[in-house]
């Protein structure tokens, strides 16, 4: 039975031999360690007058930059641009801080853009666990933040985000972020006890959401700061649950997506929309749109559900929903009986690209 799979540690060990769910459980501790380690990062004096930040990264190494962008834009005039590609943007100047973030240090898109940054007078910083990126940074005297993590890049989100928050704090752009991190950790640890692997399915909201997404097409909706959290849900469902998944942004979807709810009828009836909701970090007009959208979906015969954020700060609310979504992706993998860890097709793509010179 489904309940047995979700609650049975023997089944979990069989389906998840590499321990993806253990990595999810360890996320609060990972964030605490990453924040602590990042306090020792030293930045040159001239980094304090940057007027924009560009973060180079792909996949699991990029999502921390997305979260950093939406958090910083709430309290600072310094814009953040997330660069997912081979080329450095033309707007990079001497006062731009370019941060290259790559878990492996061998991400070819990030290496390409970073090599271009080395040819400019911009400020530079590297966040990585090693690889060619670290070697290149050290050879060119670029400040680096390094870490060790035994797991998949997408499970190292704390190591991607916490150093960026520390940089924002050190540059004077995020006053009070240390208090937000304390709250975030407390919120995540409490939520973990409620939805972790040891919490039975009949009282575990994350396991119940996974069950509702089983054999359905998941589409995640978010607004404001929760848009990138919805993006994270989508990618986690792709990589860990091995399923099709999509995400949309409110209110943008009201200018296009709502027109197509009813067709094709087979897809509409096999889709579940997950609303990621906060009562205080989302614009009140956007919240009205949540309510109206639920009605539109119901009228179209499309199932929907809501997952509410926890905490007071934007950081705590975002990370509570990230932890929740990561657990859902792991539990859905158990329901499909697929190992959540490997991303074989991505590995095959990288191997093929390596042969194409």
Protein backbone atom coordinates (compact mmCIF):
# COMPACT_ATOMS: atom_id res chain seq x y z
CA UNK A 1 0.00 0.00 0.00
CA UNK A 2 1.05 3.61 -0.57
CA UNK A 3 1.10 4.35 3.15
CA UNK A 4 3.50 1.46 3.74
CA UNK A 5 5.97 2.85 1.20
CA UNK A 6 5.93 6.33 2.67
CA UNK A 7 6.26 5.18 6.26
CA UNK A 8 8.36 2.02 5.86
CA UNK A 9 12.09 2.59 6.49
CA UNK A 10 12.96 -0.68 4.74
CA UNK A 11 11.19 0.40 1.56
CA UNK A 12 12.82 3.82 1.84
CA UNK A 13 16.29 2.28 2.05
CA UNK A 14 15.54 0.09 -0.96
CA UNK A 15 14.22 2.90 -3.17
CA UNK A 16 16.54 5.66 -1.90
CA UNK A 17 19.87 3.85 -1.36
CA UNK A 18 21.95 7.02 -1.73
CA UNK A 19 19.97 8.84 0.95
CA UNK A 20 18.39 11.81 -0.83
CA UNK A 21 15.76 12.02 1.91
CA UNK A 22 18.55 12.03 4.49
CA UNK A 23 20.09 15.00 2.67
CA UNK A 24 16.73 16.79 2.77
CA UNK A 25 16.46 16.11 6.49
CA UNK A 26 19.93 17.59 6.98
CA UNK A 27 19.11 20.86 5.18
CA UNK A 28 18.65 22.98 8.34
CA UNK A 29 22.00 21.77 9.70
CA UNK A 30 23.58 22.41 6.30
CA UNK A 31 22.30 25.99 6.31
CA UNK A 32 23.63 26.53 9.83
CA UNK A 33 27.08 25.20 8.90
CA UNK A 34 27.23 27.17 5.65
CA UNK A 35 26.29 30.42 7.39
CA UNK A 36 28.87 29.83 10.11
CA UNK A 37 31.65 29.01 7.64
CA UNK A 38 30.82 31.99 5.44
CA UNK A 39 31.55 34.40 8.29
CA UNK A 40 35.27 33.84 7.65
CA UNK A 41 34.99 34.97 4.01
CA UNK A 42 37.09 38.09 3.50
CA UNK A 43 36.26 40.55 0.71
CA UNK A 44 38.60 43.25 -0.62
CA UNK A 45 37.76 46.81 0.45
CA UNK A 46 36.83 47.92 -3.08
CA UNK A 47 34.04 45.31 -3.21
CA UNK A 48 31.98 47.57 -0.95
CA UNK A 49 31.16 50.04 -3.72
CA UNK A 50 29.61 47.60 -6.21
CA UNK A 51 26.52 48.88 -8.01
CA UNK A 52 25.22 45.55 -9.30
CA UNK A 53 25.75 41.82 -8.82
CA UNK A 54 25.80 39.12 -11.51
CA UNK A 55 25.62 35.50 -10.38
CA UNK A 56 26.84 32.87 -12.82
CA UNK A 57 25.40 29.40 -12.30
CA UNK A 58 23.34 26.55 -13.66
CA UNK A 59 20.87 24.08 -12.19
CA UNK A 60 21.21 23.38 -8.49
CA UNK A 61 24.11 25.83 -8.25
CA UNK A 62 21.98 28.66 -9.66
CA UNK A 63 18.89 28.44 -7.50
CA UNK A 64 20.63 29.97 -4.47
CA UNK A 65 21.33 33.02 -6.62
CA UNK A 66 17.65 33.26 -7.50
CA UNK A 67 16.67 33.25 -3.82
CA UNK A 68 19.37 35.81 -3.05
CA UNK A 69 18.06 38.10 -5.80
CA UNK A 70 14.48 38.17 -4.55
CA UNK A 71 15.59 38.65 -0.95
CA UNK A 72 18.04 41.45 -1.73
CA UNK A 73 15.62 43.36 -3.94
CA UNK A 74 13.29 43.72 -0.95
CA UNK A 75 15.79 45.92 0.89
CA UNK A 76 18.55 47.13 -1.41
CA UNK A 77 18.85 49.27 -4.53
CA UNK A 78 21.69 47.06 -5.82
CA UNK A 79 20.21 44.83 -8.55
CA UNK A 80 21.09 41.15 -8.91
CA UNK A 81 21.16 39.40 -12.27
CA UNK A 82 21.18 35.63 -12.59
CA UNK A 83 23.18 34.44 -15.59
CA UNK A 84 22.36 30.95 -16.82
CA UNK A 85 24.48 30.61 -19.93
CA UNK A 86 27.87 30.76 -21.59
CA UNK A 87 28.26 34.52 -22.00
CA UNK A 88 28.97 37.34 -19.59
CA UNK A 89 26.39 40.14 -19.99
CA UNK A 90 27.55 43.33 -21.66
CA UNK A 91 26.43 45.41 -18.68
CA UNK A 92 29.29 44.11 -16.48
CA UNK A 93 31.57 46.98 -15.48
CA UNK A 94 34.33 47.64 -12.95
CA UNK A 95 31.71 48.11 -10.24
CA UNK A 96 29.92 44.83 -10.93
CA UNK A 97 30.45 41.93 -8.53
CA UNK A 98 30.48 38.74 -10.59
CA UNK A 99 29.92 35.62 -8.48
CA UNK A 100 30.61 32.29 -10.17
CA UNK A 101 28.79 29.49 -8.35
CA UNK A 102 29.34 25.88 -9.36
CA UNK A 103 29.01 22.86 -7.09
CA UNK A 104 31.47 20.74 -9.08
CA UNK A 105 33.56 23.61 -10.33
CA UNK A 106 33.36 22.09 -13.80
CA UNK A 107 30.07 23.49 -15.14
CA UNK A 108 30.98 24.47 -18.68
CA UNK A 109 28.56 27.39 -19.00
CA UNK A 110 29.76 28.93 -15.74
CA UNK A 111 33.42 28.40 -16.64
CA UNK A 112 32.88 30.09 -20.00
CA UNK A 113 31.25 33.18 -18.48
CA UNK A 114 33.83 33.33 -15.68
CA UNK A 115 36.70 33.20 -18.17
CA UNK A 116 35.15 36.24 -19.85
CA UNK A 117 34.85 37.99 -16.47
CA UNK A 118 38.58 37.46 -15.89
CA UNK A 119 39.23 39.67 -18.92
CA UNK A 120 37.35 42.57 -17.32
CA UNK A 121 38.10 44.78 -14.28
CA UNK A 122 34.93 43.66 -12.47
CA UNK A 123 35.02 42.39 -8.87
CA UNK A 124 34.99 38.61 -8.76
CA UNK A 125 34.07 35.89 -6.27
CA UNK A 126 33.85 32.11 -6.57
CA UNK A 127 31.64 29.69 -4.61
CA UNK A 128 32.49 26.04 -5.29
CA UNK A 129 33.62 22.72 -3.88
CA UNK A 130 36.56 22.45 -6.27
CA UNK A 131 37.21 21.60 -9.91
CA UNK A 132 38.54 23.80 -12.66
CA UNK A 133 36.70 26.85 -11.34
CA UNK A 134 38.57 26.76 -8.04
CA UNK A 135 41.92 26.23 -9.76
CA UNK A 136 41.26 29.13 -12.14
CA UNK A 137 40.14 31.41 -9.30
CA UNK A 138 43.23 30.69 -7.24
CA UNK A 139 45.53 31.15 -10.23
CA UNK A 140 44.02 34.60 -10.76
CA UNK A 141 43.85 35.69 -7.13
CA UNK A 142 40.05 35.67 -6.98
CA UNK A 143 38.48 35.40 -3.49
CA UNK A 144 36.83 32.02 -3.01
CA UNK A 145 34.41 30.32 -0.68
CA UNK A 146 34.89 26.57 -0.73
CA UNK A 147 32.91 23.80 0.91
CA UNK A 148 32.65 20.03 1.05
CA UNK A 149 29.35 18.25 0.48
CA UNK A 150 28.78 14.57 -0.19
CA UNK A 151 25.62 14.63 -2.27
CA UNK A 152 23.88 16.02 -5.31
CA UNK A 153 24.23 19.71 -6.31
CA UNK A 154 20.50 20.34 -5.84
CA UNK A 155 20.74 19.08 -2.26
CA UNK A 156 23.48 21.63 -1.48
CA UNK A 157 21.17 24.66 -1.70
CA UNK A 158 22.30 25.85 1.73
CA UNK A 159 25.90 25.98 0.54
CA UNK A 160 24.76 28.00 -2.46
CA UNK A 161 22.56 30.51 -0.61
CA UNK A 162 24.16 31.12 2.79
CA UNK A 163 27.50 32.44 1.44
CA UNK A 164 25.57 34.89 -0.77
CA UNK A 165 23.62 36.13 2.24
CA UNK A 166 26.91 36.51 4.09
CA UNK A 167 28.28 38.55 1.18
CA UNK A 168 25.18 40.74 1.24
CA UNK A 169 25.65 41.24 4.95
CA UNK A 170 29.37 42.02 4.67
CA UNK A 171 28.68 44.59 1.95
CA UNK A 172 26.13 46.31 4.17
CA UNK A 173 23.25 45.46 1.84
CA UNK A 174 21.28 43.15 4.16
CA UNK A 175 21.22 44.56 7.70
CA UNK A 176 19.52 42.22 10.16
CA UNK A 177 19.91 39.11 8.00
CA UNK A 178 21.51 37.27 10.93
CA UNK A 179 18.24 37.56 12.89
CA UNK A 180 16.31 36.27 9.88
CA UNK A 181 18.64 33.28 9.66
CA UNK A 182 18.07 32.45 13.33
CA UNK A 183 14.32 32.50 12.71
CA UNK A 184 14.69 30.49 9.50
CA UNK A 185 16.58 27.72 11.28
CA UNK A 186 14.00 27.50 14.06
CA UNK A 187 11.12 27.40 11.55
CA UNK A 188 12.79 24.73 9.41
CA UNK A 189 13.63 22.53 12.38
CA UNK A 190 10.06 22.67 13.69
CA UNK A 191 8.65 21.92 10.23
CA UNK A 192 11.10 19.06 9.81
CA UNK A 193 9.65 17.34 12.86
CA UNK A 194 6.17 17.63 11.35
CA UNK A 195 6.88 16.45 7.80
CA UNK A 196 10.12 14.44 8.10
CA UNK A 197 10.43 10.77 7.26
CA UNK A 198 9.61 9.72 10.83
CA UNK A 199 6.25 11.53 10.85
CA UNK A 200 3.45 9.15 9.87
CA UNK A 201 1.63 9.80 6.61
CA UNK A 202 -1.78 10.25 8.22
CA UNK A 203 -0.50 13.41 9.97
CA UNK A 204 2.26 14.42 7.56
CA UNK A 205 1.19 17.17 5.16
CA UNK A 206 4.14 16.69 2.80
CA UNK A 207 3.42 12.98 2.41
CA UNK A 208 -0.24 13.80 1.79
CA UNK A 209 0.66 16.34 -0.90
CA UNK A 210 2.95 13.79 -2.56
CA UNK A 211 0.11 11.32 -2.62
CA UNK A 212 -2.15 13.86 -4.33
CA UNK A 213 0.54 14.53 -6.96
CA UNK A 214 1.07 10.84 -7.68
CA UNK A 215 0.09 9.96 -11.28
CA UNK A 216 -0.73 13.63 -11.90
CA UNK A 217 0.98 16.51 -13.71
CA UNK A 218 2.22 18.93 -11.00
CA UNK A 219 2.12 22.67 -11.72
CA UNK A 220 3.31 25.02 -8.98
CA UNK A 221 2.10 28.61 -8.62
CA UNK A 222 3.89 31.36 -6.71
CA UNK A 223 3.88 35.14 -6.48
CA UNK A 224 6.47 37.69 -5.39
CA UNK A 225 9.33 36.06 -3.47
CA UNK A 226 7.59 32.69 -3.76
CA UNK A 227 7.93 32.63 -7.55
CA UNK A 228 11.46 31.26 -7.31
CA UNK A 229 10.31 28.81 -4.64
CA UNK A 230 7.74 27.53 -7.14
CA UNK A 231 10.63 27.23 -9.60
CA UNK A 232 12.54 25.15 -7.03
CA UNK A 233 9.53 22.85 -6.60
CA UNK A 234 9.43 22.32 -10.35
CA UNK A 235 13.11 21.41 -10.66
CA UNK A 236 13.04 19.14 -7.61
CA UNK A 237 10.05 17.28 -8.99
CA UNK A 238 11.89 16.91 -12.31
CA UNK A 239 15.17 15.70 -10.85
CA UNK A 240 14.16 13.76 -7.74
CA UNK A 241 10.70 12.47 -8.64
CA UNK A 242 11.62 12.03 -12.35
CA UNK A 243 8.32 13.56 -13.50
CA UNK A 244 7.09 16.28 -15.81
CA UNK A 245 6.44 19.42 -13.78
CA UNK A 246 5.96 23.11 -14.46
CA UNK A 247 5.67 26.38 -12.56
CA UNK A 248 3.89 29.68 -13.18
CA UNK A 249 4.05 33.18 -11.70
CA UNK A 250 1.17 35.24 -10.40
CA UNK A 251 -0.06 37.70 -11.59
CA UNK A 252 1.60 37.03 -14.98
CA UNK A 253 -0.37 33.82 -15.51
CA UNK A 254 -3.57 35.87 -15.46
CA UNK A 255 -2.49 37.37 -18.76
CA UNK A 256 -2.17 34.01 -20.54
CA UNK A 257 -2.30 30.66 -18.70
CA UNK A 258 -5.86 30.93 -17.36
CA UNK A 259 -7.21 30.93 -20.91
CA UNK A 260 -6.01 27.35 -21.44
CA UNK A 261 -7.25 25.56 -18.34
CA UNK A 262 -9.87 23.35 -20.02
CA UNK A 263 -7.94 21.91 -22.96
CA UNK A 264 -6.77 19.27 -23.66
CA UNK A 265 -9.39 17.79 -21.34
CA UNK A 266 -7.30 14.71 -20.53
CA UNK A 267 -4.39 16.83 -19.33
CA UNK A 268 -6.64 19.23 -17.45
CA UNK A 269 -8.19 16.39 -15.49
CA UNK A 270 -4.80 14.85 -14.73
CA UNK A 271 -3.18 18.08 -13.50
CA UNK A 272 -2.80 19.29 -9.92
CA UNK A 273 -1.94 22.93 -9.24
CA UNK A 274 -0.06 23.66 -6.02
CA UNK A 275 -0.45 27.21 -4.70
CA UNK A 276 2.48 28.37 -2.56
CA UNK A 277 0.96 31.02 -0.33
CA UNK A 278 2.00 33.65 2.18
CA UNK A 279 -0.32 36.14 3.79
CA UNK A 280 2.27 38.89 4.28
CA UNK A 281 5.13 38.74 1.75
CA UNK A 282 2.84 38.64 -1.27
CA UNK A 283 1.02 41.74 -2.51
CA UNK A 284 -2.57 41.82 -1.29
CA UNK A 285 -3.86 42.16 -4.86
CA UNK A 286 -1.95 39.03 -5.82
CA UNK A 287 -3.62 37.17 -2.94
CA UNK A 288 -7.00 38.13 -4.38
CA UNK A 289 -5.84 36.58 -7.64
CA UNK A 290 -4.99 33.34 -5.80
CA UNK A 291 -8.60 33.07 -4.66
CA UNK A 292 -10.02 33.83 -8.10
CA UNK A 293 -7.63 31.37 -9.77
CA UNK A 294 -8.72 28.56 -7.44
CA UNK A 295 -12.29 29.13 -8.60
CA UNK A 296 -11.28 29.13 -12.27
CA UNK A 297 -9.45 25.84 -11.81
CA UNK A 298 -12.37 24.28 -9.99
CA UNK A 299 -14.76 25.34 -12.77
CA UNK A 300 -12.38 23.81 -15.33
CA UNK A 301 -12.21 20.52 -13.41
CA UNK A 302 -8.57 21.01 -12.43
CA UNK A 303 -7.56 19.90 -8.95
CA UNK A 304 -5.63 22.33 -6.75
CA UNK A 305 -4.22 22.56 -3.25
CA UNK A 306 -2.46 25.17 -1.13
CA UNK A 307 0.73 24.95 0.92
CA UNK A 308 1.23 27.85 3.33
CA UNK A 309 4.59 29.30 4.32
CA UNK A 310 5.85 29.38 7.91
CA UNK A 311 7.59 32.14 9.83
CA UNK A 312 7.66 35.93 9.66
CA UNK A 313 10.68 36.95 7.57
CA UNK A 314 10.75 36.42 3.82
CA UNK A 315 13.79 34.16 4.27
CA UNK A 316 12.05 31.89 6.77
CA UNK A 317 8.90 31.71 4.67
CA UNK A 318 10.81 30.88 1.50
CA UNK A 319 13.01 28.26 3.14
CA UNK A 320 10.06 26.61 4.89
CA UNK A 321 8.42 26.06 1.51
CA UNK A 322 11.71 24.92 -0.02
CA UNK A 323 12.09 22.28 2.68
CA UNK A 324 8.46 21.26 2.22
CA UNK A 325 8.85 20.94 -1.55
CA UNK A 326 12.09 18.98 -1.26
CA UNK A 327 10.35 16.48 0.99
CA UNK A 328 7.40 16.23 -1.42
CA UNK A 329 9.78 15.44 -4.29
CA UNK A 330 11.45 12.71 -2.23
CA UNK A 331 8.15 11.18 -1.12
CA UNK A 332 6.81 11.24 -4.67
CA UNK A 333 9.91 9.32 -5.77
CA UNK A 334 9.03 6.67 -3.18
CA UNK A 335 5.49 6.44 -4.55
CA UNK A 336 6.84 5.92 -8.07
CA UNK A 337 9.53 3.61 -6.65
CA UNK A 338 12.31 5.48 -8.44
CA UNK A 339 15.69 6.31 -6.90
CA UNK A 340 15.57 10.09 -6.35
CA UNK A 341 19.34 10.62 -6.52
CA UNK A 342 20.68 9.84 -10.02
CA UNK A 343 20.19 12.19 -12.96
CA UNK A 344 21.41 9.81 -15.62
CA UNK A 345 20.23 11.73 -18.68
CA UNK A 346 22.01 14.90 -17.49
CA UNK A 347 25.21 12.91 -16.99
CA UNK A 348 24.84 11.46 -20.50
CA UNK A 349 24.38 14.96 -21.93
CA UNK A 350 27.51 16.25 -20.20
CA UNK A 351 29.51 13.26 -21.44
CA UNK A 352 28.30 13.80 -25.01
CA UNK A 353 29.06 17.53 -24.89
CA UNK A 354 32.59 16.71 -23.75
CA UNK A 355 33.12 14.93 -27.09
CA UNK A 356 31.89 17.91 -29.11
CA UNK A 357 34.84 20.28 -29.47
